[in-house]
Amino acid sequence: MRIKLTVRPFIIYVSGAVISSIVALVVLILYWPQNNSSGMVKVTIKQGETLSAISQHLANVGVISNQRTFQWAVKVKGLETNIPAGTFRLKDANNNSTIIWQLVNSAPELKKVTILEGWSLHQLAEYLTTEMGFGINEIIGLSQDNAFINLLEVPSNNLEGYLYPDTYYFFEGDTPRSVLTRLVKEYKKFWTDEIYSQAQEMQMSEQDVVTLASIIEGEAIYDDERSIISAVYHNRLKKGMKLQADPTVQYIIDDGPRRLLNKDLEIDSPYNTYLYNGLPPGPINSPGSKSLYAALYPADNRYLYFVAKGDGYHTFSNTEREHKRAKRAFQKIRRQVRKEQSN
C-alpha cells in the first residue's frame, strides 16, 4: 500500500511596519553621526588589523565617537575584510557610511622608497628606519629569522644580498615583514630559466652568484668594468688564488668604509679574502641586476689583478709585476692629489 504525503509550504508574513523598522534601523546605523568632522584627518591602518583595532584607531584620532555603530555599519555592508592597510586622509568624515566609503574606495598614501645597489643589510635597515619608521633591530632580526627566510625560500641563513635594490612604493601601514618580502620577490624575478641554466653551466650555486655579484658591486663604479672585474675573480678562483677583494674586508670593519690599513688585512674572519681562499660565506651587500649578470657572464680575459686609477676606473694586469707597476702609478697620483689639497 502506498501512502502519499503532501507538504504544504509555510508562508511567513512580515508586516510592512516590521520591514520599515528594519530598514530604518539599517539606515540609522549606516548614517549614524560621528564627530561631524569637516576637516582632513589622517589615520593609519596596519596590515592584518581587526575591525575592532581599526575602530579604535579611528576613535583615537577623533574620527568616530561611537565605535560600536561603526563596527555594525561595516558588518551591514559586508566589508569586514575589505578595509586595506595604509595611511588615509579622511575628509568630511561625519557619518559611518562616509567614513567606510573613503576607507574602502580611496587610495591610501604611498611612500617612495629607493634601495641603492651595494647597500649592506645594516645600511638598508637604517634607511627603512628613517623612511618607514621601522626599528633597525626589527629589520635585522627579521632578516636573520630562519622561519621567515625559509618561507621566502632564500638559500642562506640571512637576507644579506637578497634584498633587491630598486625604487618601490609602499603603503605607510606596511610592516617590516611585508616590505622585506617584496624586496626578496623582486630579487627572485632576476632568476629566469636562462639565468639558472647559466649558473649550472658556470658550476655556481645561487649563493655563489649573489656573493660574487656583491663583491663586484663593491668594486665597480662604471658598468662597462663589471664583467672585466668579474673575470679577474673567476680567473683567480680557477687558479686557487685568494680573491684579495677589498670590499670583503670593508664588510668586517666597524668604522668603514674607509681606506684599508695593513692591520685590517690581518683580521681573522671568513669574510677576509686576503686570508681565506674562495668566496666568503655569503654576500656582503645587495647587488643590482648588472652585477648579478656580470657574475654569471664574465669577460673573456686572463687578468688576475686590478688597481684603482683614481677616477673610478681600474688598471687591469696579467702579472704581479705589471700590477705592482700600476699600484706605484696610482700611489704617485694619490700623493700629488694630497699635495695639491694641502696647498
C-alpha atoms as a PDB file:
ATOM      1  CA  MET A   1       0.000   0.000   0.000  1.00  0.00           C
ATOM      2  CA  ARG A   2       1.404   3.447  -0.892  1.00  0.00           C
ATOM      3  CA  ILE A   3       0.957   6.485   1.339  1.00  0.00           C
ATOM      4  CA  LYS A   4       1.096   9.898  -0.288  1.00  0.00           C
ATOM      5  CA  LEU A   5       2.450  12.707   1.851  1.00  0.00           C
ATOM      6  CA  THR A   6       1.652  16.236   0.950  1.00  0.00           C
ATOM      7  CA  VAL A   7       3.773  19.006   2.444  1.00  0.00           C
ATOM      8  CA  ARG A   8       2.235  22.437   2.255  1.00  0.00           C
ATOM      9  CA  PRO A   9       4.640  25.359   2.265  1.00  0.00           C
ATOM     10  CA  PHE A  10       4.607  27.699   5.211  1.00  0.00           C
ATOM     11  CA  ILE A  11       4.387  31.309   4.299  1.00  0.00           C
ATOM     12  CA  ILE A  12       5.703  33.813   6.794  1.00  0.00           C
ATOM     13  CA  TYR A  13       4.109  37.160   6.523  1.00  0.00           C
ATOM     14  CA  VAL A  14       6.049  40.138   7.707  1.00  0.00           C
ATOM     15  CA  SER A  15       4.125  43.282   8.153  1.00  0.00           C
ATOM     16  CA  GLY A  16       5.131  46.422   6.371  1.00  0.00           C
ATOM     17  CA  ALA A  17       5.718  48.060   9.701  1.00  0.00           C
ATOM     18  CA  VAL A  18       8.391  45.491  10.630  1.00  0.00           C
ATOM     19  CA  ILE A  19      10.162  45.881   7.282  1.00  0.00           C
ATOM     20  CA  SER A  20      10.072  49.613   7.642  1.00  0.00           C
ATOM     21  CA  SER A  21      11.539  49.335  11.123  1.00  0.00           C
ATOM     22  CA  ILE A  22      14.422  47.125   9.883  1.00  0.00           C
ATOM     23  CA  VAL A  23      15.200  49.487   7.001  1.00  0.00           C
ATOM     24  CA  ALA A  24      15.102  52.437   9.310  1.00  0.00           C
ATOM     25  CA  LEU A  25      17.498  50.707  11.725  1.00  0.00           C
ATOM     26  CA  VAL A  26      19.967  49.897   8.920  1.00  0.00           C
ATOM     27  CA  VAL A  27      19.848  53.474   7.648  1.00  0.00           C
ATOM     28  CA  LEU A  28      20.331  54.750  11.175  1.00  0.00           C
ATOM     29  CA  ILE A  29      23.404  52.551  11.644  1.00  0.00           C
ATOM     30  CA  LEU A  30      24.903  53.471   8.269  1.00  0.00           C
ATOM     31  CA  TYR A  31      24.388  57.184   8.688  1.00  0.00           C
ATOM     32  CA  TRP A  32      24.961  57.365  12.420  1.00  0.00           C
ATOM     33  CA  PRO A  33      26.570  60.763  13.010  1.00  0.00           C
ATOM     34  CA  GLN A  34      30.090  60.562  14.328  1.00  0.00           C
ATOM     35  CA  ASN A  35      32.269  63.529  15.231  1.00  0.00           C
ATOM     36  CA  ASN A  36      30.940  65.730  12.421  1.00  0.00           C
ATOM     37  CA  SER A  37      34.496  66.389  11.298  1.00  0.00           C
ATOM     38  CA  SER A  38      34.584  68.821   8.392  1.00  0.00           C
ATOM     39  CA  GLY A  39      38.355  68.917   8.029  1.00  0.00           C
ATOM     40  CA  MET A  40      41.045  66.461   6.932  1.00  0.00           C
ATOM     41  CA  VAL A  41      42.010  63.676   9.344  1.00  0.00           C
ATOM     42  CA  LYS A  42      44.965  61.304   8.868  1.00  0.00           C
ATOM     43  CA  VAL A  43      44.661  57.697  10.028  1.00  0.00           C
ATOM     44  CA  THR A  44      46.995  54.703   9.568  1.00  0.00           C
ATOM     45  CA  ILE A  45      45.721  51.127   9.412  1.00  0.00           C
ATOM     46  CA  LYS A  46      48.300  48.394   9.779  1.00  0.00           C
ATOM     47  CA  GLN A  47      48.411  45.101   7.906  1.00  0.00           C
ATOM     48  CA  GLY A  48      46.142  42.422   9.388  1.00  0.00           C
ATOM     49  CA  GLU A  49      44.391  44.640  11.931  1.00  0.00           C
ATOM     50  CA  THR A  50      40.961  43.558  13.153  1.00  0.00           C
ATOM     51  CA  LEU A  51      37.804  45.615  12.758  1.00  0.00           C
ATOM     52  CA  SER A  52      37.936  46.312  16.474  1.00  0.00           C
ATOM     53  CA  ALA A  53      41.504  47.650  16.199  1.00  0.00           C
ATOM     54  CA  ILE A  54      40.574  49.787  13.182  1.00  0.00           C
ATOM     55  CA  SER A  55      37.643  51.357  15.019  1.00  0.00           C
ATOM     56  CA  GLN A  56      39.942  52.057  17.971  1.00  0.00           C
ATOM     57  CA  HIS A  57      42.385  53.888  15.666  1.00  0.00           C
ATOM     58  CA  LEU A  58      39.546  55.965  14.241  1.00  0.00           C
ATOM     59  CA  ALA A  59      38.394  56.835  17.743  1.00  0.00           C
ATOM     60  CA  ASN A  60      41.933  57.764  18.819  1.00  0.00           C
ATOM     61  CA  VAL A  61      42.298  60.316  16.025  1.00  0.00           C
ATOM     62  CA  GLY A  62      38.823  61.713  16.628  1.00  0.00           C
ATOM     63  CA  VAL A  63      37.092  60.418  13.506  1.00  0.00           C
ATOM     64  CA  ILE A  64      34.425  58.434  15.359  1.00  0.00           C
ATOM     65  CA  SER A  65      32.861  58.766  18.773  1.00  0.00           C
ATOM     66  CA  ASN A  66      30.801  55.555  18.684  1.00  0.00           C
ATOM     67  CA  GLN A  67      32.888  52.500  17.840  1.00  0.00           C
ATOM     68  CA  ARG A  68      30.020  50.030  18.141  1.00  0.00           C
ATOM     69  CA  THR A  69      27.805  51.616  15.484  1.00  0.00           C
ATOM     70  CA  PHE A  70      30.813  51.926  13.163  1.00  0.00           C
ATOM     71  CA  GLN A  71      31.531  48.200  13.504  1.00  0.00           C
ATOM     72  CA  TRP A  72      27.851  47.383  12.941  1.00  0.00           C
ATOM     73  CA  ALA A  73      27.824  49.561   9.817  1.00  0.00           C
ATOM     74  CA  VAL A  74      30.888  47.777   8.394  1.00  0.00           C
ATOM     75  CA  LYS A  75      29.245  44.402   9.034  1.00  0.00           C
ATOM     76  CA  VAL A  76      25.948  45.505   7.498  1.00  0.00           C
ATOM     77  CA  LYS A  77      27.871  46.374   4.328  1.00  0.00           C
ATOM     78  CA  GLY A  78      29.758  43.076   4.493  1.00  0.00           C
ATOM     79  CA  LEU A  79      33.136  44.833   4.381  1.00  0.00           C
ATOM     80  CA  GLU A  80      34.840  43.409   7.469  1.00  0.00           C
ATOM     81  CA  THR A  81      37.817  42.184   5.385  1.00  0.00           C
ATOM     82  CA  ASN A  82      37.786  44.905   2.729  1.00  0.00           C
ATOM     83  CA  ILE A  83      39.467  47.751   4.589  1.00  0.00           C
ATOM     84  CA  PRO A  84      43.072  47.837   3.286  1.00  0.00           C
ATOM     85  CA  ALA A  85      46.236  48.695   5.160  1.00  0.00           C
ATOM     86  CA  GLY A  86      47.718  52.106   4.603  1.00  0.00           C
ATOM     87  CA  THR A  87      47.545  55.730   5.600  1.00  0.00           C
ATOM     88  CA  PHE A  88      44.365  57.555   4.628  1.00  0.00           C
ATOM     89  CA  ARG A  89      43.311  61.181   4.733  1.00  0.00           C
ATOM     90  CA  LEU A  90      39.597  61.258   5.528  1.00  0.00           C
ATOM     91  CA  LYS A  91      37.670  64.349   4.501  1.00  0.00           C
ATOM     92  CA  ASP A  92      34.251  65.385   5.880  1.00  0.00           C
ATOM     93  CA  ALA A  93      34.061  62.059   7.732  1.00  0.00           C
ATOM     94  CA  ASN A  94      30.835  62.895   9.560  1.00  0.00           C
ATOM     95  CA  ASN A  95      28.945  59.568   9.462  1.00  0.00           C
ATOM     96  CA  ASN A  96      29.637  55.848   9.266  1.00  0.00           C
ATOM     97  CA  SER A  97      28.786  55.468   5.571  1.00  0.00           C
ATOM     98  CA  THR A  98      31.093  58.311   4.504  1.00  0.00           C
ATOM     99  CA  ILE A  99      33.967  57.002   6.609  1.00  0.00           C
ATOM    100  CA  ILE A 100      33.609  53.427   5.341  1.00  0.00           C
ATOM    101  CA  TRP A 101      33.378  54.533   1.706  1.00  0.00           C
ATOM    102  CA  GLN A 102      36.597  56.540   1.967  1.00  0.00           C
ATOM    103  CA  LEU A 103      38.487  53.723   3.694  1.00  0.00           C
ATOM    104  CA  VAL A 104      37.406  51.105   1.142  1.00  0.00           C
ATOM    105  CA  ASN A 105      37.452  53.141  -2.073  1.00  0.00           C
ATOM    106  CA  SER A 106      40.052  55.874  -1.700  1.00  0.00           C
ATOM    107  CA  ALA A 107      43.696  55.144  -2.441  1.00  0.00           C
ATOM    108  CA  PRO A 108      45.951  55.007   0.612  1.00  0.00           C
ATOM    109  CA  GLU A 109      49.030  57.214   0.624  1.00  0.00           C
ATOM    110  CA  LEU A 110      52.162  55.679  -0.862  1.00  0.00           C
ATOM    111  CA  LYS A 111      55.719  56.075   0.357  1.00  0.00           C
ATOM    112  CA  LYS A 112      58.517  56.164  -2.232  1.00  0.00           C
ATOM    113  CA  VAL A 113      61.463  54.066  -1.095  1.00  0.00           C
ATOM    114  CA  THR A 114      64.712  53.715  -3.080  1.00  0.00           C
ATOM    115  CA  ILE A 115      67.102  50.908  -2.147  1.00  0.00           C
ATOM    116  CA  LEU A 116      70.562  51.547  -3.606  1.00  0.00           C
ATOM    117  CA  GLU A 117      72.892  48.961  -5.118  1.00  0.00           C
ATOM    118  CA  GLY A 118      75.709  47.997  -2.799  1.00  0.00           C
ATOM    119  CA  TRP A 119      73.918  48.731   0.461  1.00  0.00           C
ATOM    120  CA  SER A 120      74.634  46.313   3.277  1.00  0.00           C
ATOM    121  CA  LEU A 121      71.810  44.928   5.392  1.00  0.00           C
ATOM    122  CA  HIS A 122      72.657  47.395   8.163  1.00  0.00           C
ATOM    123  CA  GLN A 123      72.599  50.363   5.775  1.00  0.00           C
ATOM    124  CA  LEU A 124      69.269  49.198   4.381  1.00  0.00           C
ATOM    125  CA  ALA A 125      67.851  48.794   7.903  1.00  0.00           C
ATOM    126  CA  GLU A 126      68.925  52.322   8.825  1.00  0.00           C
ATOM    127  CA  TYR A 127      67.277  53.692   5.698  1.00  0.00           C
ATOM    128  CA  LEU A 128      63.982  51.854   6.289  1.00  0.00           C
ATOM    129  CA  THR A 129      64.017  53.101   9.869  1.00  0.00           C
ATOM    130  CA  THR A 130      64.160  56.669   8.607  1.00  0.00           C
ATOM    131  CA  GLU A 131      61.735  56.289   5.705  1.00  0.00           C
ATOM    132  CA  MET A 132      59.212  53.778   7.050  1.00  0.00           C
ATOM    133  CA  GLY A 133      59.540  54.230  10.801  1.00  0.00           C
ATOM    134  CA  PHE A 134      60.766  50.678  11.394  1.00  0.00           C
ATOM    135  CA  GLY A 135      63.303  49.693  14.043  1.00  0.00           C
ATOM    136  CA  ILE A 136      66.827  48.750  12.943  1.00  0.00           C
ATOM    137  CA  ASN A 137      66.872  45.728  15.241  1.00  0.00           C
ATOM    138  CA  GLU A 138      63.451  44.715  13.950  1.00  0.00           C
ATOM    139  CA  ILE A 139      64.674  44.673  10.347  1.00  0.00           C
ATOM    140  CA  ILE A 140      67.958  42.907  11.113  1.00  0.00           C
ATOM    141  CA  GLY A 141      66.264  40.397  13.423  1.00  0.00           C
ATOM    142  CA  LEU A 142      63.666  39.513  10.802  1.00  0.00           C
ATOM    143  CA  SER A 143      66.406  39.217   8.172  1.00  0.00           C
ATOM    144  CA  GLN A 144      68.079  36.576  10.335  1.00  0.00           C
ATOM    145  CA  ASP A 145      64.900  34.711  11.296  1.00  0.00           C
ATOM    146  CA  ASN A 146      65.202  31.160   9.951  1.00  0.00           C
ATOM    147  CA  ALA A 147      61.453  30.582   9.706  1.00  0.00           C
ATOM    148  CA  PHE A 148      60.973  33.774   7.690  1.00  0.00           C
ATOM    149  CA  ILE A 149      63.993  33.012   5.470  1.00  0.00           C
ATOM    150  CA  ASN A 150      62.705  29.505   4.759  1.00  0.00           C
ATOM    151  CA  LEU A 151      59.276  30.899   3.939  1.00  0.00           C
ATOM    152  CA  LEU A 152      60.878  33.173   1.333  1.00  0.00           C
ATOM    153  CA  GLU A 153      62.941  30.223   0.008  1.00  0.00           C
ATOM    154  CA  VAL A 154      66.227  32.102   0.249  1.00  0.00           C
ATOM    155  CA  PRO A 155      69.289  29.787   0.146  1.00  0.00           C
ATOM    156  CA  SER A 156      71.073  31.475   3.054  1.00  0.00           C
ATOM    157  CA  ASN A 157      70.924  31.927   6.817  1.00  0.00           C
ATOM    158  CA  ASN A 158      70.165  35.656   6.432  1.00  0.00           C
ATOM    159  CA  LEU A 159      68.774  38.051   3.809  1.00  0.00           C
ATOM    160  CA  GLU A 160      72.035  39.925   3.175  1.00  0.00           C
ATOM    161  CA  GLY A 161      72.315  40.226  -0.608  1.00  0.00           C
ATOM    162  CA  TYR A 162      68.767  39.097  -1.351  1.00  0.00           C
ATOM    163  CA  LEU A 163      67.003  42.438  -0.751  1.00  0.00           C
ATOM    164  CA  TYR A 164      66.829  43.712  -4.296  1.00  0.00           C
ATOM    165  CA  PRO A 165      67.860  47.335  -4.925  1.00  0.00           C
ATOM    166  CA  ASP A 166      65.192  49.293  -6.778  1.00  0.00           C
ATOM    167  CA  THR A 167      62.599  52.033  -6.285  1.00  0.00           C
ATOM    168  CA  TYR A 168      59.444  50.876  -4.537  1.00  0.00           C
ATOM    169  CA  TYR A 169      56.160  52.363  -3.406  1.00  0.00           C
ATOM    170  CA  PHE A 170      54.868  51.113  -0.067  1.00  0.00           C
ATOM    171  CA  PHE A 171      51.819  51.949   1.991  1.00  0.00           C
ATOM    172  CA  GLU A 172      52.661  53.701   5.240  1.00  0.00           C
ATOM    173  CA  GLY A 173      50.839  50.890   7.009  1.00  0.00           C
ATOM    174  CA  ASP A 174      53.155  48.242   5.551  1.00  0.00           C
ATOM    175  CA  THR A 175      55.090  46.143   8.040  1.00  0.00           C
ATOM    176  CA  PRO A 176      58.784  45.123   8.014  1.00  0.00           C
ATOM    177  CA  ARG A 177      57.674  41.622   7.030  1.00  0.00           C
ATOM    178  CA  SER A 178      55.672  42.826   4.015  1.00  0.00           C
ATOM    179  CA  VAL A 179      58.451  45.203   2.878  1.00  0.00           C
ATOM    180  CA  LEU A 180      61.233  42.598   3.083  1.00  0.00           C
ATOM    181  CA  THR A 181      59.003  40.063   1.354  1.00  0.00           C
ATOM    182  CA  ARG A 182      58.504  42.478  -1.540  1.00  0.00           C
ATOM    183  CA  LEU A 183      62.265  43.115  -1.856  1.00  0.00           C
ATOM    184  CA  VAL A 184      63.005  39.387  -1.993  1.00  0.00           C
ATOM    185  CA  LYS A 185      60.233  38.804  -4.551  1.00  0.00           C
ATOM    186  CA  GLU A 186      61.797  41.436  -6.806  1.00  0.00           C
ATOM    187  CA  TYR A 187      65.171  39.722  -6.434  1.00  0.00           C
ATOM    188  CA  LYS A 188      63.659  36.398  -7.500  1.00  0.00           C
ATOM    189  CA  LYS A 189      62.460  37.920 -10.783  1.00  0.00           C
ATOM    190  CA  PHE A 190      66.109  38.014 -11.898  1.00  0.00           C
ATOM    191  CA  TRP A 191      66.277  34.227 -11.812  1.00  0.00           C
ATOM    192  CA  THR A 192      64.801  33.227 -15.149  1.00  0.00           C
ATOM    193  CA  ASP A 193      65.286  29.767 -16.683  1.00  0.00           C
ATOM    194  CA  GLU A 194      68.150  31.183 -18.746  1.00  0.00           C
ATOM    195  CA  ILE A 195      69.886  32.520 -15.641  1.00  0.00           C
ATOM    196  CA  TYR A 196      69.503  29.223 -13.764  1.00  0.00           C
ATOM    197  CA  SER A 197      70.912  27.416 -16.799  1.00  0.00           C
ATOM    198  CA  GLN A 198      73.911  29.748 -16.958  1.00  0.00           C
ATOM    199  CA  ALA A 199      74.609  29.273 -13.241  1.00  0.00           C
ATOM    200  CA  GLN A 200      74.660  25.499 -13.740  1.00  0.00           C
ATOM    201  CA  GLU A 201      76.991  25.873 -16.707  1.00  0.00           C
ATOM    202  CA  MET A 202      79.324  28.021 -14.576  1.00  0.00           C
ATOM    203  CA  GLN A 203      79.047  25.441 -11.774  1.00  0.00           C
ATOM    204  CA  MET A 204      77.864  28.129  -9.378  1.00  0.00           C
ATOM    205  CA  SER A 205      75.124  27.903  -6.778  1.00  0.00           C
ATOM    206  CA  GLU A 206      72.648  30.737  -6.354  1.00  0.00           C
ATOM    207  CA  GLN A 207      74.509  31.761  -3.195  1.00  0.00           C
ATOM    208  CA  ASP A 208      77.809  31.760  -5.125  1.00  0.00           C
ATOM    209  CA  VAL A 209      76.364  34.052  -7.781  1.00  0.00           C
ATOM    210  CA  VAL A 210      74.935  36.560  -5.301  1.00  0.00           C
ATOM    211  CA  THR A 211      78.121  36.529  -3.222  1.00  0.00           C
ATOM    212  CA  LEU A 212      80.407  37.184  -6.203  1.00  0.00           C
ATOM    213  CA  ALA A 213      77.972  39.790  -7.534  1.00  0.00           C
ATOM    214  CA  SER A 214      78.089  41.629  -4.214  1.00  0.00           C
ATOM    215  CA  ILE A 215      81.901  41.809  -4.402  1.00  0.00           C
ATOM    216  CA  ILE A 216      81.683  43.122  -7.975  1.00  0.00           C
ATOM    217  CA  GLU A 217      79.122  45.677  -6.771  1.00  0.00           C
ATOM    218  CA  GLY A 218      81.552  46.791  -4.084  1.00  0.00           C
ATOM    219  CA  GLU A 219      84.374  47.246  -6.598  1.00  0.00           C
ATOM    220  CA  ALA A 220      82.765  48.589  -9.774  1.00  0.00           C
ATOM    221  CA  ILE A 221      81.644  52.153 -10.320  1.00  0.00           C
ATOM    222  CA  TYR A 222      81.178  52.024 -14.078  1.00  0.00           C
ATOM    223  CA  ASP A 223      79.031  49.376 -15.739  1.00  0.00           C
ATOM    224  CA  ASP A 224      81.500  48.652 -18.544  1.00  0.00           C
ATOM    225  CA  GLU A 225      84.012  47.327 -15.991  1.00  0.00           C
ATOM    226  CA  ARG A 226      81.705  44.900 -14.163  1.00  0.00           C
ATOM    227  CA  SER A 227      82.272  41.929 -16.464  1.00  0.00           C
ATOM    228  CA  ILE A 228      86.043  42.615 -16.529  1.00  0.00           C
ATOM    229  CA  ILE A 229      86.239  42.656 -12.724  1.00  0.00           C
ATOM    230  CA  SER A 230      84.129  39.501 -12.676  1.00  0.00           C
ATOM    231  CA  ALA A 231      86.626  37.813 -14.983  1.00  0.00           C
ATOM    232  CA  VAL A 232      89.502  38.691 -12.645  1.00  0.00           C
ATOM    233  CA  TYR A 233      87.784  36.938  -9.757  1.00  0.00           C
ATOM    234  CA  HIS A 234      86.790  33.935 -11.862  1.00  0.00           C
ATOM    235  CA  ASN A 235      90.376  33.627 -13.088  1.00  0.00           C
ATOM    236  CA  ARG A 236      91.746  33.769  -9.540  1.00  0.00           C
ATOM    237  CA  LEU A 237      89.231  31.188  -8.312  1.00  0.00           C
ATOM    238  CA  LYS A 238      90.205  28.812 -11.109  1.00  0.00           C
ATOM    239  CA  LYS A 239      93.890  29.149 -10.190  1.00  0.00           C
ATOM    240  CA  GLY A 240      93.215  28.686  -6.470  1.00  0.00           C
ATOM    241  CA  MET A 241      94.400  32.227  -5.700  1.00  0.00           C
ATOM    242  CA  LYS A 242      92.926  34.264  -2.867  1.00  0.00           C
ATOM    243  CA  LEU A 243      90.462  36.857  -4.148  1.00  0.00           C
ATOM    244  CA  GLN A 244      92.053  39.663  -2.086  1.00  0.00           C
ATOM    245  CA  ALA A 245      88.905  41.737  -2.537  1.00  0.00           C
ATOM    246  CA  ASP A 246      88.888  44.955  -0.501  1.00  0.00           C
ATOM    247  CA  PRO A 247      85.058  45.109  -0.201  1.00  0.00           C
ATOM    248  CA  THR A 248      85.056  41.886   1.822  1.00  0.00           C
ATOM    249  CA  VAL A 249      87.383  43.494   4.366  1.00  0.00           C
ATOM    250  CA  GLN A 250      85.323  46.695   4.409  1.00  0.00           C
ATOM    251  CA  TYR A 251      82.397  44.459   5.364  1.00  0.00           C
ATOM    252  CA  ILE A 252      84.035  43.302   8.591  1.00  0.00           C
ATOM    253  CA  ILE A 253      85.484  46.569   9.905  1.00  0.00           C
ATOM    254  CA  ASP A 254      83.314  48.637  12.220  1.00  0.00           C
ATOM    255  CA  ASP A 255      84.260  52.107  11.015  1.00  0.00           C
ATOM    256  CA  GLY A 256      84.094  51.600   7.267  1.00  0.00           C
ATOM    257  CA  PRO A 257      84.005  52.395   4.531  1.00  0.00           C
ATOM    258  CA  ARG A 258      87.465  53.963   4.706  1.00  0.00           C
ATOM    259  CA  ARG A 259      90.943  53.437   3.341  1.00  0.00           C
ATOM    260  CA  LEU A 260      92.105  49.998   4.437  1.00  0.00           C
ATOM    261  CA  LEU A 261      95.204  49.600   6.591  1.00  0.00           C
ATOM    262  CA  ASN A 262      97.624  46.672   6.609  1.00  0.00           C
ATOM    263  CA  LYS A 263      96.281  45.597  10.001  1.00  0.00           C
ATOM    264  CA  ASP A 264      92.769  45.341   8.507  1.00  0.00           C
ATOM    265  CA  LEU A 265      94.005  42.726   6.059  1.00  0.00           C
ATOM    266  CA  GLU A 266      95.000  40.541   9.007  1.00  0.00           C
ATOM    267  CA  ILE A 267      91.549  40.398  10.661  1.00  0.00           C
ATOM    268  CA  ASP A 268      90.690  36.749  11.198  1.00  0.00           C
ATOM    269  CA  SER A 269      87.301  36.381   9.552  1.00  0.00           C
ATOM    270  CA  PRO A 270      85.986  34.003   6.885  1.00  0.00           C
ATOM    271  CA  TYR A 271      84.960  37.174   5.027  1.00  0.00           C
ATOM    272  CA  ASN A 272      88.609  38.267   4.820  1.00  0.00           C
ATOM    273  CA  THR A 273      89.528  37.156   1.310  1.00  0.00           C
ATOM    274  CA  TYR A 274      93.140  38.181   1.947  1.00  0.00           C
ATOM    275  CA  LEU A 275      93.401  35.327   4.455  1.00  0.00           C
ATOM    276  CA  TYR A 276      90.954  32.713   3.181  1.00  0.00           C
ATOM    277  CA  ASN A 277      90.637  31.101  -0.234  1.00  0.00           C
ATOM    278  CA  GLY A 278      87.469  31.061  -2.267  1.00  0.00           C
ATOM    279  CA  LEU A 279      84.325  33.097  -1.891  1.00  0.00           C
ATOM    280  CA  PRO A 280      83.306  34.413   1.538  1.00  0.00           C
ATOM    281  CA  PRO A 281      80.421  32.645   3.353  1.00  0.00           C
ATOM    282  CA  GLY A 282      77.784  34.916   1.823  1.00  0.00           C
ATOM    283  CA  PRO A 283      77.006  38.226   0.139  1.00  0.00           C
ATOM    284  CA  ILE A 284      78.367  41.459   1.619  1.00  0.00           C
ATOM    285  CA  ASN A 285      75.730  43.814   0.170  1.00  0.00           C
ATOM    286  CA  SER A 286      72.705  43.936  -2.125  1.00  0.00           C
ATOM    287  CA  PRO A 287      73.958  43.679  -5.710  1.00  0.00           C
ATOM    288  CA  GLY A 288      71.944  45.060  -8.604  1.00  0.00           C
ATOM    289  CA  SER A 289      70.995  43.165 -11.754  1.00  0.00           C
ATOM    290  CA  LYS A 290      74.087  44.366 -13.665  1.00  0.00           C
ATOM    291  CA  SER A 291      76.464  42.930 -11.076  1.00  0.00           C
ATOM    292  CA  LEU A 292      74.446  39.707 -10.846  1.00  0.00           C
ATOM    293  CA  TYR A 293      74.625  39.403 -14.618  1.00  0.00           C
ATOM    294  CA  ALA A 294      78.366  40.146 -14.619  1.00  0.00           C
ATOM    295  CA  ALA A 295      78.977  37.393 -12.057  1.00  0.00           C
ATOM    296  CA  LEU A 296      77.433  34.902 -14.468  1.00  0.00           C
ATOM    297  CA  TYR A 297      78.829  36.327 -17.702  1.00  0.00           C
ATOM    298  CA  PRO A 298      82.455  37.388 -17.079  1.00  0.00           C
ATOM    299  CA  ALA A 299      84.509  38.969 -19.853  1.00  0.00           C
ATOM    300  CA  ASP A 300      86.950  36.786 -21.753  1.00  0.00           C
ATOM    301  CA  ASN A 301      90.370  37.798 -20.441  1.00  0.00           C
ATOM    302  CA  ARG A 302      93.326  36.477 -18.414  1.00  0.00           C
ATOM    303  CA  TYR A 303      93.586  39.340 -15.945  1.00  0.00           C
ATOM    304  CA  LEU A 304      94.478  38.408 -12.379  1.00  0.00           C
ATOM    305  CA  TYR A 305      94.908  41.859 -10.829  1.00  0.00           C
ATOM    306  CA  PHE A 306      93.426  45.329 -10.898  1.00  0.00           C
ATOM    307  CA  VAL A 307      94.034  48.580  -9.082  1.00  0.00           C
ATOM    308  CA  ALA A 308      92.134  51.856  -8.987  1.00  0.00           C
ATOM    309  CA  LYS A 309      93.229  54.722 -11.223  1.00  0.00           C
ATOM    310  CA  GLY A 310      91.666  57.375  -9.032  1.00  0.00           C
ATOM    311  CA  ASP A 311      88.930  58.334 -11.489  1.00  0.00           C
ATOM    312  CA  GLY A 312      86.584  55.437 -10.808  1.00  0.00           C
ATOM    313  CA  TYR A 313      88.202  53.201 -13.398  1.00  0.00           C
ATOM    314  CA  HIS A 314      90.848  50.486 -12.878  1.00  0.00           C
ATOM    315  CA  THR A 315      94.089  49.300 -14.417  1.00  0.00           C
ATOM    316  CA  PHE A 316      93.996  45.535 -15.123  1.00  0.00           C
ATOM    317  CA  SER A 317      97.096  43.345 -15.218  1.00  0.00           C
ATOM    318  CA  ASN A 318      98.018  39.772 -16.140  1.00  0.00           C
ATOM    319  CA  THR A 319     101.086  39.528 -13.893  1.00  0.00           C
ATOM    320  CA  GLU A 320     102.042  40.614 -10.406  1.00  0.00           C
ATOM    321  CA  ARG A 321     104.894  42.656 -11.837  1.00  0.00           C
ATOM    322  CA  GLU A 322     102.520  44.674 -14.025  1.00  0.00           C
ATOM    323  CA  HIS A 323     100.189  45.044 -11.061  1.00  0.00           C
ATOM    324  CA  LYS A 324     102.910  46.488  -8.821  1.00  0.00           C
ATOM    325  CA  ARG A 325     103.779  48.975 -11.535  1.00  0.00           C
ATOM    326  CA  ALA A 326     100.141  50.059 -11.759  1.00  0.00           C
ATOM    327  CA  LYS A 327      99.961  50.394  -7.961  1.00  0.00           C
ATOM    328  CA  ARG A 328     103.011  52.650  -7.924  1.00  0.00           C
ATOM    329  CA  ALA A 329     101.418  54.824 -10.604  1.00  0.00           C
ATOM    330  CA  PHE A 330      98.242  55.153  -8.535  1.00  0.00           C
ATOM    331  CA  GLN A 331     100.185  55.948  -5.354  1.00  0.00           C
ATOM    332  CA  LYS A 332     102.013  58.685  -7.256  1.00  0.00           C
ATOM    333  CA  ILE A 333      98.680  60.194  -8.285  1.00  0.00           C
ATOM    334  CA  ARG A 334      97.408  59.961  -4.706  1.00  0.00           C
ATOM    335  CA  ARG A 335     100.485  61.773  -3.349  1.00  0.00           C
ATOM    336  CA  GLN A 336     100.058  64.505  -5.959  1.00  0.00           C
ATOM    337  CA  VAL A 337      96.406  64.993  -5.008  1.00  0.00           C
ATOM    338  CA  ARG A 338      97.273  65.224  -1.320  1.00  0.00           C
ATOM    339  CA  LYS A 339      99.997  67.761  -2.083  1.00  0.00           C
ATOM    340  CA  GLU A 340      97.560  69.925  -4.069  1.00  0.00           C
ATOM    341  CA  GLN A 341      94.929  69.691  -1.326  1.00  0.00           C
ATOM    342  CA  SER A 342      97.434  70.789   1.345  1.00  0.00           C
ATOM    343  CA  ASN A 343      98.495  73.895  -0.624  1.00  0.00           C
END
